[in-house]
Amino acid sequence: MPLPDTMFCAQQIHIPPELPDILKQFTKAAIRTQPADVLQWSAGYFSALSRGDPLPVKDRMEMPVATQKTDTGLSQGLLKVLHKQCSHKQYVDLNDLEQKWKNLCLPIEKFKALLQLDPCGGTMEWIKFLALGCSMLGGSLNSAMKHLCEILTSDPEGGPARIPFETFSYVYEYLARLDPDIPPTDTETYLATLKEKVESRKNDLIGVSDFFSAKRSI
């Protein structure tokens, strides 16, 4: 015979005092991130929370990106989440990165397609993976660099999105080498022009408007 339902009184039920706030923060994070698979994302969220790792949570809700050539599911906000989770290491383990990608409910075939752009072993320099992700968001090198600046900058949202010239130059050269339509001499000339512009201001920061104006001047 089935056992009767056990009855509890309010005094017998112990609710951990931190539980309401945990659930509140989780709910706000889910609304802000809008995961395609809530269960998959939730597993990654609480796993990261239990380890004290950066959470797979967007800074804010995003509108769909109309300029993206194909719907990869990837967005600047999700790349920024991955950057917060991975940028503390120069090189990332690709198995660990793949799991973080899955926890954001991104298609695994897109992850593999991204790695095919620059095949490597079991690890990859994080800044290069981020650069490849930015290139997947837009159809041009300029668009990729704009996304990169907006992800890496310490400027407030809507600001000039400045990053160190050394970082910009490193990533630009990397992506340009992967594009057979960009002659190395064009890359050298462009970066030399841009460096002169940066040095004339006596600082090493470059913003989005700087590299677009440098493009027009060469």
N, C-alpha and C. Protein backbone atom coordinates (compact mmCIF):
# COMPACT_ATOMS: atom_id res chain seq x y z
N MET A 1 0.84 -1.20 0.00
CA MET A 1 0.00 0.00 0.00
C MET A 1 0.88 1.25 0.00
N PRO A 2 0.47 2.28 -0.73
CA PRO A 2 1.27 3.51 -0.74
C PRO A 2 1.28 4.17 0.63
N LEU A 3 2.43 4.73 0.97
CA LEU A 3 2.54 5.41 2.25
C LEU A 3 1.76 6.71 2.21
N PRO A 4 1.13 7.07 3.32
CA PRO A 4 0.39 8.34 3.32
C PRO A 4 1.35 9.52 3.18
N ASP A 5 0.85 10.59 2.57
CA ASP A 5 1.67 11.80 2.45
C ASP A 5 2.06 12.31 3.83
N THR A 6 3.32 12.66 3.96
CA THR A 6 3.80 13.18 5.23
C THR A 6 3.40 14.64 5.35
N MET A 7 2.88 14.98 6.50
CA MET A 7 2.46 16.36 6.74
C MET A 7 3.52 17.07 7.58
N PHE A 8 3.87 18.26 7.17
CA PHE A 8 4.83 19.06 7.92
C PHE A 8 4.16 20.35 8.36
N CYS A 9 4.54 20.81 9.54
CA CYS A 9 4.09 22.12 9.97
C CYS A 9 5.18 23.13 9.65
N ALA A 10 4.84 24.40 9.70
CA ALA A 10 5.79 25.44 9.31
C ALA A 10 7.06 25.39 10.13
N GLN A 11 6.94 25.01 11.41
CA GLN A 11 8.11 24.97 12.28
C GLN A 11 9.10 23.88 11.89
N GLN A 12 8.64 22.85 11.15
CA GLN A 12 9.50 21.73 10.77
C GLN A 12 10.27 22.00 9.47
N ILE A 13 9.85 22.98 8.69
CA ILE A 13 10.46 23.25 7.39
C ILE A 13 11.53 24.32 7.56
N HIS A 14 12.79 23.95 7.29
CA HIS A 14 13.89 24.89 7.42
C HIS A 14 14.27 25.41 6.03
N ILE A 15 14.15 26.71 5.84
CA ILE A 15 14.54 27.35 4.58
C ILE A 15 15.87 28.06 4.81
N PRO A 16 16.93 27.63 4.10
CA PRO A 16 18.22 28.31 4.28
C PRO A 16 18.07 29.81 4.06
N PRO A 17 18.61 30.63 4.94
CA PRO A 17 18.40 32.08 4.84
C PRO A 17 18.92 32.68 3.54
N GLU A 18 19.95 32.04 2.90
CA GLU A 18 20.51 32.59 1.67
C GLU A 18 19.72 32.18 0.43
N LEU A 19 18.80 31.23 0.56
CA LEU A 19 18.08 30.71 -0.61
C LEU A 19 17.27 31.76 -1.36
N PRO A 20 16.49 32.61 -0.68
CA PRO A 20 15.70 33.60 -1.44
C PRO A 20 16.58 34.50 -2.31
N ASP A 21 17.72 34.95 -1.78
CA ASP A 21 18.57 35.84 -2.57
C ASP A 21 19.21 35.09 -3.73
N ILE A 22 19.61 33.81 -3.51
CA ILE A 22 20.19 33.00 -4.59
C ILE A 22 19.18 32.87 -5.73
N LEU A 23 17.94 32.56 -5.39
CA LEU A 23 16.91 32.39 -6.42
C LEU A 23 16.58 33.71 -7.11
N LYS A 24 16.61 34.79 -6.34
CA LYS A 24 16.34 36.11 -6.93
C LYS A 24 17.42 36.47 -7.94
N GLN A 25 18.69 36.29 -7.56
CA GLN A 25 19.80 36.62 -8.47
C GLN A 25 19.79 35.70 -9.69
N PHE A 26 19.45 34.43 -9.48
CA PHE A 26 19.37 33.48 -10.59
C PHE A 26 18.29 33.90 -11.59
N THR A 27 17.13 34.29 -11.07
CA THR A 27 16.03 34.70 -11.94
C THR A 27 16.39 35.95 -12.74
N LYS A 28 17.01 36.92 -12.08
CA LYS A 28 17.43 38.15 -12.78
C LYS A 28 18.46 37.83 -13.86
N ALA A 29 19.38 36.90 -13.54
CA ALA A 29 20.42 36.52 -14.51
C ALA A 29 19.81 35.83 -15.72
N ALA A 30 18.82 34.96 -15.48
CA ALA A 30 18.17 34.24 -16.58
C ALA A 30 17.41 35.20 -17.49
N ILE A 31 16.75 36.19 -16.90
CA ILE A 31 16.01 37.16 -17.70
C ILE A 31 16.97 38.02 -18.52
N ARG A 32 18.09 38.40 -17.92
CA ARG A 32 19.05 39.25 -18.62
C ARG A 32 19.77 38.49 -19.73
N THR A 33 20.06 37.21 -19.51
CA THR A 33 20.84 36.42 -20.47
C THR A 33 19.98 35.79 -21.55
N GLN A 34 18.71 35.48 -21.22
CA GLN A 34 17.79 34.87 -22.19
C GLN A 34 18.37 33.61 -22.84
N PRO A 35 18.76 32.59 -22.05
CA PRO A 35 19.36 31.39 -22.64
C PRO A 35 18.37 30.61 -23.49
N ALA A 36 18.87 30.02 -24.57
CA ALA A 36 18.01 29.22 -25.44
C ALA A 36 17.57 27.94 -24.76
N ASP A 37 18.40 27.39 -23.89
CA ASP A 37 18.09 26.17 -23.15
C ASP A 37 18.29 26.48 -21.67
N VAL A 38 17.21 26.73 -20.97
CA VAL A 38 17.30 27.17 -19.58
C VAL A 38 17.95 26.11 -18.70
N LEU A 39 17.64 24.85 -18.93
CA LEU A 39 18.21 23.79 -18.09
C LEU A 39 19.72 23.68 -18.28
N GLN A 40 20.18 23.71 -19.53
CA GLN A 40 21.62 23.64 -19.81
C GLN A 40 22.33 24.83 -19.18
N TRP A 41 21.77 26.01 -19.38
CA TRP A 41 22.38 27.22 -18.83
C TRP A 41 22.37 27.20 -17.31
N SER A 42 21.27 26.72 -16.72
CA SER A 42 21.17 26.68 -15.26
C SER A 42 22.23 25.77 -14.66
N ALA A 43 22.50 24.64 -15.32
CA ALA A 43 23.54 23.74 -14.83
C ALA A 43 24.89 24.46 -14.80
N GLY A 44 25.19 25.20 -15.87
CA GLY A 44 26.44 25.95 -15.92
C GLY A 44 26.47 27.07 -14.90
N TYR A 45 25.33 27.71 -14.68
CA TYR A 45 25.23 28.82 -13.73
C TYR A 45 25.56 28.35 -12.31
N PHE A 46 24.87 27.30 -11.87
CA PHE A 46 25.07 26.85 -10.50
C PHE A 46 26.41 26.14 -10.31
N SER A 47 26.92 25.53 -11.36
CA SER A 47 28.25 24.94 -11.29
C SER A 47 29.30 26.03 -11.07
N ALA A 48 29.19 27.12 -11.84
CA ALA A 48 30.12 28.25 -11.69
C ALA A 48 29.95 28.90 -10.32
N LEU A 49 28.71 29.03 -9.87
CA LEU A 49 28.43 29.65 -8.57
C LEU A 49 29.06 28.84 -7.43
N SER A 50 28.97 27.52 -7.52
CA SER A 50 29.50 26.67 -6.45
C SER A 50 31.03 26.73 -6.39
N ARG A 51 31.68 27.00 -7.54
CA ARG A 51 33.15 27.06 -7.58
C ARG A 51 33.67 28.48 -7.36
N GLY A 52 32.77 29.46 -7.35
CA GLY A 52 33.22 30.84 -7.22
C GLY A 52 33.77 31.40 -8.51
N ASP A 53 33.41 30.79 -9.65
CA ASP A 53 33.88 31.25 -10.95
C ASP A 53 32.96 32.34 -11.49
N PRO A 54 33.44 33.13 -12.48
CA PRO A 54 32.54 34.11 -13.13
C PRO A 54 31.31 33.41 -13.71
N LEU A 55 30.16 34.00 -13.51
CA LEU A 55 28.90 33.38 -13.93
C LEU A 55 28.63 33.61 -15.42
N PRO A 56 27.93 32.68 -16.06
CA PRO A 56 27.58 32.84 -17.49
C PRO A 56 26.39 33.77 -17.66
N VAL A 57 26.60 35.03 -17.32
CA VAL A 57 25.50 35.99 -17.29
C VAL A 57 25.88 37.24 -18.09
N LYS A 58 24.99 37.68 -18.96
CA LYS A 58 25.23 38.91 -19.72
C LYS A 58 25.13 40.13 -18.79
N ASP A 59 25.80 41.20 -19.19
CA ASP A 59 25.71 42.45 -18.45
C ASP A 59 24.32 43.07 -18.60
N ARG A 60 23.71 42.84 -19.74
CA ARG A 60 22.39 43.41 -20.02
C ARG A 60 21.72 42.60 -21.12
N MET A 61 20.42 42.80 -21.29
CA MET A 61 19.71 42.14 -22.39
C MET A 61 20.17 42.73 -23.72
N GLU A 62 20.15 41.90 -24.76
CA GLU A 62 20.58 42.34 -26.09
C GLU A 62 19.43 42.23 -27.07
N MET A 63 19.42 43.16 -28.01
CA MET A 63 18.50 43.07 -29.13
C MET A 63 19.14 42.21 -30.20
N PRO A 64 18.36 41.53 -31.05
CA PRO A 64 18.94 40.74 -32.15
C PRO A 64 19.83 41.58 -33.04
N VAL A 65 20.92 40.98 -33.53
CA VAL A 65 21.87 41.70 -34.38
C VAL A 65 21.49 41.52 -35.83
N ALA A 66 20.99 42.56 -36.46
CA ALA A 66 20.49 42.45 -37.83
C ALA A 66 21.61 42.32 -38.85
N THR A 67 22.83 42.74 -38.48
CA THR A 67 23.93 42.73 -39.45
C THR A 67 24.65 41.40 -39.52
N GLN A 68 24.33 40.49 -38.64
CA GLN A 68 25.01 39.21 -38.64
C GLN A 68 24.60 38.41 -39.88
N LYS A 69 25.58 37.86 -40.57
CA LYS A 69 25.29 37.18 -41.84
C LYS A 69 24.43 35.92 -41.63
N THR A 70 24.78 35.14 -40.60
CA THR A 70 24.03 33.93 -40.30
C THR A 70 23.71 33.90 -38.82
N ASP A 71 22.63 33.24 -38.46
CA ASP A 71 22.22 33.17 -37.06
C ASP A 71 23.03 32.07 -36.36
N THR A 72 24.16 32.46 -35.79
CA THR A 72 25.01 31.50 -35.09
C THR A 72 24.60 31.36 -33.64
N GLY A 73 23.73 32.25 -33.15
CA GLY A 73 23.41 32.27 -31.74
C GLY A 73 24.40 33.10 -30.95
N LEU A 74 25.56 33.34 -31.54
CA LEU A 74 26.60 34.10 -30.87
C LEU A 74 26.26 35.59 -30.90
N SER A 75 26.65 36.29 -29.86
CA SER A 75 26.43 37.74 -29.80
C SER A 75 27.60 38.38 -29.07
N GLN A 76 27.67 39.69 -29.16
CA GLN A 76 28.74 40.40 -28.46
C GLN A 76 28.62 40.18 -26.95
N GLY A 77 27.39 40.17 -26.45
CA GLY A 77 27.17 39.94 -25.02
C GLY A 77 27.66 38.58 -24.56
N LEU A 78 27.43 37.54 -25.37
CA LEU A 78 27.88 36.20 -24.99
C LEU A 78 29.40 36.08 -25.09
N LEU A 79 29.99 36.74 -26.08
CA LEU A 79 31.46 36.75 -26.15
C LEU A 79 32.05 37.46 -24.94
N LYS A 80 31.37 38.49 -24.47
CA LYS A 80 31.84 39.21 -23.29
C LYS A 80 31.75 38.32 -22.05
N VAL A 81 30.71 37.49 -21.98
CA VAL A 81 30.59 36.52 -20.89
C VAL A 81 31.78 35.56 -20.91
N LEU A 82 32.07 35.01 -22.09
CA LEU A 82 33.21 34.09 -22.22
C LEU A 82 34.52 34.79 -21.85
N HIS A 83 34.63 36.06 -22.22
CA HIS A 83 35.85 36.80 -21.89
C HIS A 83 36.01 36.92 -20.38
N LYS A 84 34.92 37.19 -19.67
CA LYS A 84 34.99 37.29 -18.22
C LYS A 84 35.38 35.94 -17.60
N GLN A 85 34.96 34.86 -18.23
CA GLN A 85 35.23 33.53 -17.69
C GLN A 85 36.63 33.03 -18.03
N CYS A 86 37.22 33.52 -19.12
CA CYS A 86 38.45 32.91 -19.64
C CYS A 86 39.67 33.83 -19.65
N SER A 87 39.49 35.13 -19.56
CA SER A 87 40.59 36.05 -19.82
C SER A 87 41.66 36.07 -18.73
N HIS A 88 41.40 35.39 -17.60
CA HIS A 88 42.42 35.35 -16.55
C HIS A 88 43.59 34.45 -16.93
N LYS A 89 43.43 33.68 -18.00
CA LYS A 89 44.51 32.82 -18.50
C LYS A 89 44.90 33.24 -19.91
N GLN A 90 46.20 33.19 -20.20
CA GLN A 90 46.63 33.52 -21.57
C GLN A 90 46.18 32.44 -22.54
N TYR A 91 46.28 31.18 -22.12
CA TYR A 91 45.86 30.06 -22.94
C TYR A 91 44.71 29.33 -22.27
N VAL A 92 43.75 28.89 -23.06
CA VAL A 92 42.60 28.19 -22.52
C VAL A 92 42.58 26.76 -23.03
N ASP A 93 42.13 25.86 -22.17
CA ASP A 93 41.94 24.47 -22.56
C ASP A 93 40.66 24.39 -23.40
N LEU A 94 40.77 23.80 -24.59
CA LEU A 94 39.63 23.81 -25.51
C LEU A 94 38.47 22.95 -25.02
N ASN A 95 38.76 21.90 -24.25
CA ASN A 95 37.67 21.10 -23.70
C ASN A 95 36.87 21.91 -22.68
N ASP A 96 37.58 22.66 -21.83
CA ASP A 96 36.91 23.51 -20.85
C ASP A 96 36.14 24.62 -21.56
N LEU A 97 36.74 25.18 -22.59
CA LEU A 97 36.08 26.25 -23.35
C LEU A 97 34.84 25.73 -24.06
N GLU A 98 34.92 24.52 -24.57
CA GLU A 98 33.76 23.92 -25.23
C GLU A 98 32.60 23.77 -24.25
N GLN A 99 32.90 23.39 -23.00
CA GLN A 99 31.84 23.24 -22.00
C GLN A 99 31.21 24.59 -21.67
N LYS A 100 32.03 25.62 -21.57
CA LYS A 100 31.49 26.96 -21.32
C LYS A 100 30.62 27.41 -22.49
N TRP A 101 31.05 27.08 -23.70
CA TRP A 101 30.27 27.38 -24.91
C TRP A 101 28.91 26.69 -24.84
N LYS A 102 28.90 25.41 -24.46
CA LYS A 102 27.65 24.66 -24.33
C LYS A 102 26.76 25.26 -23.26
N ASN A 103 27.36 25.67 -22.14
CA ASN A 103 26.57 26.24 -21.04
C ASN A 103 25.86 27.52 -21.44
N LEU A 104 26.37 28.19 -22.47
CA LEU A 104 25.71 29.38 -23.00
C LEU A 104 24.72 29.02 -24.10
N CYS A 105 24.50 27.70 -24.28
CA CYS A 105 23.50 27.19 -25.24
C CYS A 105 23.84 27.57 -26.67
N LEU A 106 25.13 27.65 -26.98
CA LEU A 106 25.57 27.95 -28.35
C LEU A 106 25.78 26.65 -29.11
N PRO A 107 25.50 26.63 -30.41
CA PRO A 107 25.63 25.39 -31.20
C PRO A 107 27.07 24.90 -31.25
N ILE A 108 27.27 23.62 -30.92
CA ILE A 108 28.62 23.08 -30.87
C ILE A 108 29.26 23.05 -32.26
N GLU A 109 28.45 22.92 -33.31
CA GLU A 109 29.02 22.91 -34.66
C GLU A 109 29.63 24.28 -35.00
N LYS A 110 29.09 25.34 -34.42
CA LYS A 110 29.67 26.68 -34.64
C LYS A 110 31.00 26.81 -33.91
N PHE A 111 31.11 26.18 -32.76
CA PHE A 111 32.37 26.18 -32.02
C PHE A 111 33.45 25.48 -32.85
N LYS A 112 33.10 24.35 -33.42
CA LYS A 112 34.06 23.59 -34.23
C LYS A 112 34.40 24.35 -35.52
N ALA A 113 33.41 25.00 -36.10
CA ALA A 113 33.66 25.77 -37.32
C ALA A 113 34.60 26.94 -37.02
N LEU A 114 34.44 27.54 -35.86
CA LEU A 114 35.29 28.66 -35.47
C LEU A 114 36.74 28.20 -35.32
N LEU A 115 36.93 27.03 -34.71
CA LEU A 115 38.29 26.51 -34.52
C LEU A 115 38.94 26.12 -35.85
N GLN A 116 38.13 25.78 -36.84
CA GLN A 116 38.68 25.42 -38.15
C GLN A 116 39.31 26.63 -38.85
N LEU A 117 38.97 27.82 -38.40
CA LEU A 117 39.57 29.01 -39.01
C LEU A 117 41.06 29.10 -38.70
N ASP A 118 41.46 28.51 -37.58
CA ASP A 118 42.88 28.49 -37.20
C ASP A 118 43.12 27.24 -36.35
N PRO A 119 43.21 26.07 -36.99
CA PRO A 119 43.34 24.81 -36.25
C PRO A 119 44.54 24.82 -35.30
N CYS A 120 44.31 24.25 -34.11
CA CYS A 120 45.38 24.19 -33.12
C CYS A 120 45.23 22.90 -32.33
N GLY A 121 46.03 22.74 -31.28
CA GLY A 121 45.99 21.52 -30.48
C GLY A 121 44.93 21.59 -29.40
N GLY A 122 45.27 21.20 -28.19
CA GLY A 122 44.30 21.15 -27.10
C GLY A 122 44.12 22.46 -26.38
N THR A 123 44.99 23.44 -26.67
CA THR A 123 44.86 24.76 -26.05
C THR A 123 44.94 25.84 -27.13
N MET A 124 44.49 27.03 -26.75
CA MET A 124 44.53 28.15 -27.69
C MET A 124 44.68 29.44 -26.92
N GLU A 125 45.41 30.38 -27.48
CA GLU A 125 45.53 31.68 -26.84
C GLU A 125 44.15 32.33 -26.80
N TRP A 126 43.74 32.77 -25.61
CA TRP A 126 42.38 33.27 -25.46
C TRP A 126 42.09 34.45 -26.37
N ILE A 127 43.01 35.39 -26.48
CA ILE A 127 42.76 36.57 -27.29
C ILE A 127 42.52 36.21 -28.75
N LYS A 128 43.14 35.11 -29.22
CA LYS A 128 42.92 34.68 -30.60
C LYS A 128 41.53 34.06 -30.76
N PHE A 129 41.10 33.28 -29.78
CA PHE A 129 39.75 32.73 -29.86
C PHE A 129 38.72 33.86 -29.85
N LEU A 130 38.94 34.84 -28.97
CA LEU A 130 38.03 35.98 -28.91
C LEU A 130 38.00 36.71 -30.24
N ALA A 131 39.16 36.87 -30.87
CA ALA A 131 39.23 37.53 -32.17
C ALA A 131 38.43 36.76 -33.22
N LEU A 132 38.55 35.44 -33.21
CA LEU A 132 37.80 34.62 -34.17
C LEU A 132 36.30 34.74 -33.92
N GLY A 133 35.92 34.78 -32.65
CA GLY A 133 34.51 34.96 -32.32
C GLY A 133 33.99 36.29 -32.82
N CYS A 134 34.79 37.34 -32.67
CA CYS A 134 34.39 38.66 -33.17
C CYS A 134 34.26 38.65 -34.69
N SER A 135 35.14 37.91 -35.36
CA SER A 135 35.06 37.83 -36.83
C SER A 135 33.81 37.08 -37.27
N MET A 136 33.31 36.18 -36.42
CA MET A 136 32.09 35.44 -36.75
C MET A 136 30.86 36.34 -36.63
N LEU A 137 30.96 37.39 -35.83
CA LEU A 137 29.81 38.28 -35.65
C LEU A 137 29.58 39.19 -36.85
N GLY A 138 30.67 39.58 -37.50
CA GLY A 138 30.54 40.51 -38.62
C GLY A 138 31.21 39.99 -39.87
N GLY A 139 30.95 40.62 -40.98
CA GLY A 139 31.49 40.14 -42.24
C GLY A 139 32.76 40.81 -42.68
N SER A 140 33.36 41.66 -41.84
CA SER A 140 34.58 42.36 -42.25
C SER A 140 35.54 42.45 -41.09
N LEU A 141 36.80 42.74 -41.42
CA LEU A 141 37.82 42.92 -40.40
C LEU A 141 37.50 44.13 -39.54
N ASN A 142 37.03 45.21 -40.15
CA ASN A 142 36.66 46.40 -39.38
C ASN A 142 35.57 46.09 -38.36
N SER A 143 34.58 45.33 -38.79
CA SER A 143 33.48 44.98 -37.90
C SER A 143 33.99 44.12 -36.73
N ALA A 144 34.87 43.18 -37.04
CA ALA A 144 35.43 42.32 -35.99
C ALA A 144 36.20 43.15 -34.97
N MET A 145 36.99 44.11 -35.45
CA MET A 145 37.79 44.94 -34.54
C MET A 145 36.90 45.86 -33.70
N LYS A 146 35.81 46.31 -34.26
CA LYS A 146 34.86 47.13 -33.50
C LYS A 146 34.27 46.32 -32.34
N HIS A 147 33.86 45.09 -32.63
CA HIS A 147 33.34 44.22 -31.57
C HIS A 147 34.41 43.98 -30.51
N LEU A 148 35.63 43.73 -30.94
CA LEU A 148 36.72 43.47 -30.00
C LEU A 148 36.93 44.65 -29.07
N CYS A 149 37.00 45.85 -29.63
CA CYS A 149 37.20 47.05 -28.81
C CYS A 149 36.08 47.22 -27.79
N GLU A 150 34.86 46.97 -28.22
CA GLU A 150 33.71 47.16 -27.32
C GLU A 150 33.67 46.11 -26.22
N ILE A 151 34.25 44.94 -26.46
CA ILE A 151 34.32 43.90 -25.44
C ILE A 151 35.45 44.16 -24.45
N LEU A 152 36.60 44.59 -24.96
CA LEU A 152 37.80 44.73 -24.12
C LEU A 152 37.89 46.06 -23.39
N THR A 153 37.21 47.09 -23.85
CA THR A 153 37.41 48.43 -23.31
C THR A 153 37.00 48.55 -21.84
N SER A 154 37.65 49.48 -21.17
CA SER A 154 37.26 49.85 -19.81
C SER A 154 36.40 51.11 -19.82
N ASP A 155 36.20 51.70 -21.01
CA ASP A 155 35.36 52.89 -21.13
C ASP A 155 33.90 52.52 -20.87
N PRO A 156 33.10 53.46 -20.37
CA PRO A 156 31.67 53.18 -20.17
C PRO A 156 30.97 52.92 -21.50
N GLU A 157 29.85 52.22 -21.44
CA GLU A 157 29.10 51.91 -22.65
C GLU A 157 28.71 53.19 -23.38
N GLY A 158 28.93 53.18 -24.69
CA GLY A 158 28.64 54.36 -25.49
C GLY A 158 29.83 55.29 -25.61
N GLY A 159 30.93 54.98 -24.92
CA GLY A 159 32.14 55.79 -24.98
C GLY A 159 32.99 55.44 -26.18
N PRO A 160 34.25 55.89 -26.22
CA PRO A 160 35.09 55.67 -27.39
C PRO A 160 35.59 54.24 -27.56
N ALA A 161 35.35 53.38 -26.57
CA ALA A 161 35.75 51.96 -26.64
C ALA A 161 37.24 51.81 -26.94
N ARG A 162 38.06 52.45 -26.10
CA ARG A 162 39.51 52.43 -26.31
C ARG A 162 40.14 51.18 -25.70
N ILE A 163 41.17 50.67 -26.39
CA ILE A 163 41.97 49.57 -25.87
C ILE A 163 43.44 49.88 -26.18
N PRO A 164 44.39 49.21 -25.53
CA PRO A 164 45.80 49.47 -25.83
C PRO A 164 46.13 49.18 -27.30
N PHE A 165 46.95 50.05 -27.89
CA PHE A 165 47.33 49.87 -29.29
C PHE A 165 48.02 48.52 -29.49
N GLU A 166 48.83 48.10 -28.53
CA GLU A 166 49.54 46.82 -28.66
C GLU A 166 48.56 45.67 -28.84
N THR A 167 47.48 45.68 -28.07
CA THR A 167 46.46 44.63 -28.20
C THR A 167 45.77 44.72 -29.55
N PHE A 168 45.38 45.94 -29.93
CA PHE A 168 44.71 46.14 -31.22
C PHE A 168 45.59 45.65 -32.36
N SER A 169 46.86 46.05 -32.35
CA SER A 169 47.79 45.69 -33.42
C SER A 169 47.97 44.17 -33.51
N TYR A 170 48.10 43.53 -32.35
CA TYR A 170 48.30 42.08 -32.32
C TYR A 170 47.12 41.34 -32.94
N VAL A 171 45.92 41.74 -32.55
CA VAL A 171 44.72 41.06 -33.05
C VAL A 171 44.49 41.39 -34.53
N TYR A 172 44.70 42.64 -34.90
CA TYR A 172 44.49 43.03 -36.30
C TYR A 172 45.42 42.23 -37.22
N GLU A 173 46.71 42.14 -36.86
CA GLU A 173 47.66 41.37 -37.66
C GLU A 173 47.25 39.90 -37.74
N TYR A 174 46.78 39.37 -36.62
CA TYR A 174 46.36 37.96 -36.58
C TYR A 174 45.19 37.70 -37.53
N LEU A 175 44.16 38.51 -37.45
CA LEU A 175 42.99 38.30 -38.33
C LEU A 175 43.33 38.60 -39.78
N ALA A 176 44.18 39.60 -40.01
CA ALA A 176 44.54 39.94 -41.40
C ALA A 176 45.31 38.80 -42.05
N ARG A 177 46.16 38.11 -41.28
CA ARG A 177 46.92 36.97 -41.83
C ARG A 177 45.99 35.83 -42.25
N LEU A 178 44.84 35.72 -41.60
CA LEU A 178 43.90 34.65 -41.93
C LEU A 178 43.06 34.97 -43.17
N ASP A 179 43.13 36.22 -43.63
CA ASP A 179 42.34 36.65 -44.79
C ASP A 179 43.26 36.76 -46.00
N PRO A 180 43.13 35.85 -46.96
CA PRO A 180 44.03 35.86 -48.12
C PRO A 180 43.86 37.09 -49.02
N ASP A 181 42.75 37.83 -48.84
CA ASP A 181 42.51 39.00 -49.67
C ASP A 181 43.18 40.26 -49.15
N ILE A 182 43.83 40.17 -47.98
CA ILE A 182 44.49 41.35 -47.41
C ILE A 182 46.00 41.20 -47.55
N PRO A 183 46.65 41.97 -48.42
CA PRO A 183 48.11 41.88 -48.58
C PRO A 183 48.82 42.32 -47.30
N PRO A 184 49.90 41.63 -46.92
CA PRO A 184 50.65 42.03 -45.71
C PRO A 184 51.12 43.48 -45.75
N THR A 185 51.44 43.99 -46.93
CA THR A 185 51.89 45.39 -47.02
C THR A 185 50.78 46.36 -46.63
N ASP A 186 49.54 46.03 -46.97
CA ASP A 186 48.41 46.88 -46.58
C ASP A 186 48.28 46.93 -45.06
N THR A 187 48.46 45.77 -44.43
CA THR A 187 48.37 45.69 -42.97
C THR A 187 49.46 46.53 -42.32
N GLU A 188 50.69 46.41 -42.83
CA GLU A 188 51.82 47.15 -42.28
C GLU A 188 51.61 48.66 -42.42
N THR A 189 51.15 49.09 -43.59
CA THR A 189 50.93 50.52 -43.84
C THR A 189 49.84 51.06 -42.92
N TYR A 190 48.76 50.30 -42.81
CA TYR A 190 47.64 50.73 -41.97
C TYR A 190 48.05 50.87 -40.51
N LEU A 191 48.74 49.86 -39.97
CA LEU A 191 49.13 49.90 -38.56
C LEU A 191 50.17 50.99 -38.30
N ALA A 192 51.04 51.24 -39.27
CA ALA A 192 52.03 52.31 -39.12
C ALA A 192 51.33 53.68 -39.04
N THR A 193 50.32 53.87 -39.89
CA THR A 193 49.55 55.12 -39.87
C THR A 193 48.81 55.28 -38.54
N LEU A 194 48.25 54.19 -38.09
CA LEU A 194 47.51 54.21 -36.83
C LEU A 194 48.44 54.48 -35.65
N LYS A 195 49.62 53.90 -35.68
CA LYS A 195 50.58 54.10 -34.59
C LYS A 195 51.01 55.56 -34.50
N GLU A 196 51.21 56.20 -35.63
CA GLU A 196 51.57 57.62 -35.65
C GLU A 196 50.47 58.45 -35.00
N LYS A 197 49.23 58.11 -35.30
CA LYS A 197 48.09 58.84 -34.74
C LYS A 197 48.05 58.69 -33.23
N VAL A 198 48.28 57.47 -32.76
CA VAL A 198 48.25 57.21 -31.33
C VAL A 198 49.40 57.92 -30.62
N GLU A 199 50.60 57.84 -31.19
CA GLU A 199 51.77 58.46 -30.56
C GLU A 199 51.69 59.97 -30.53
N SER A 200 51.00 60.56 -31.49
CA SER A 200 50.85 62.02 -31.50
C SER A 200 50.03 62.51 -30.32
N ARG A 201 49.23 61.62 -29.73
CA ARG A 201 48.43 61.99 -28.56
C ARG A 201 49.15 61.66 -27.26
N LYS A 202 50.32 61.02 -27.39
CA LYS A 202 51.14 60.67 -26.23
C LYS A 202 50.40 59.72 -25.26
N ASN A 203 49.64 58.80 -25.83
CA ASN A 203 49.09 57.70 -25.04
C ASN A 203 49.01 56.48 -25.94
N ASP A 204 48.76 55.32 -25.35
CA ASP A 204 48.80 54.08 -26.14
C ASP A 204 47.42 53.51 -26.39
N LEU A 205 46.36 54.34 -26.24
CA LEU A 205 45.00 53.84 -26.39
C LEU A 205 44.45 54.19 -27.77
N ILE A 206 43.68 53.27 -28.31
CA ILE A 206 43.04 53.48 -29.60
C ILE A 206 41.56 53.15 -29.48
N GLY A 207 40.72 54.03 -30.03
CA GLY A 207 39.28 53.81 -29.99
C GLY A 207 38.74 53.48 -31.37
N VAL A 208 37.45 53.16 -31.42
CA VAL A 208 36.81 52.77 -32.68
C VAL A 208 36.93 53.86 -33.73
N SER A 209 36.71 55.11 -33.34
CA SER A 209 36.77 56.20 -34.32
C SER A 209 38.18 56.36 -34.89
N ASP A 210 39.21 56.01 -34.09
CA ASP A 210 40.59 56.14 -34.56
C ASP A 210 40.88 55.22 -35.73
N PHE A 211 40.49 53.94 -35.59
CA PHE A 211 40.88 53.03 -36.67
C PHE A 211 40.03 53.19 -37.91
N PHE A 212 38.82 53.73 -37.78
CA PHE A 212 38.05 54.02 -38.98
C PHE A 212 38.62 55.23 -39.72
N SER A 213 39.05 56.26 -38.97
CA SER A 213 39.63 57.44 -39.62
C SER A 213 40.97 57.10 -40.26
N ALA A 214 41.74 56.19 -39.63
CA ALA A 214 43.01 55.77 -40.22
C ALA A 214 42.78 55.02 -41.52
N LYS A 215 41.71 54.25 -41.59
CA LYS A 215 41.37 53.54 -42.81
C LYS A 215 41.11 54.51 -43.96
N ARG A 216 40.44 55.63 -43.63
CA ARG A 216 40.09 56.58 -44.69
C ARG A 216 41.30 57.37 -45.16
N SER A 217 42.34 57.45 -44.32
CA SER A 217 43.50 58.29 -44.66
C SER A 217 44.55 57.58 -45.47
N ILE A 218 44.42 56.26 -45.68
CA ILE A 218 45.44 55.54 -46.45
C ILE A 218 44.89 55.08 -47.79
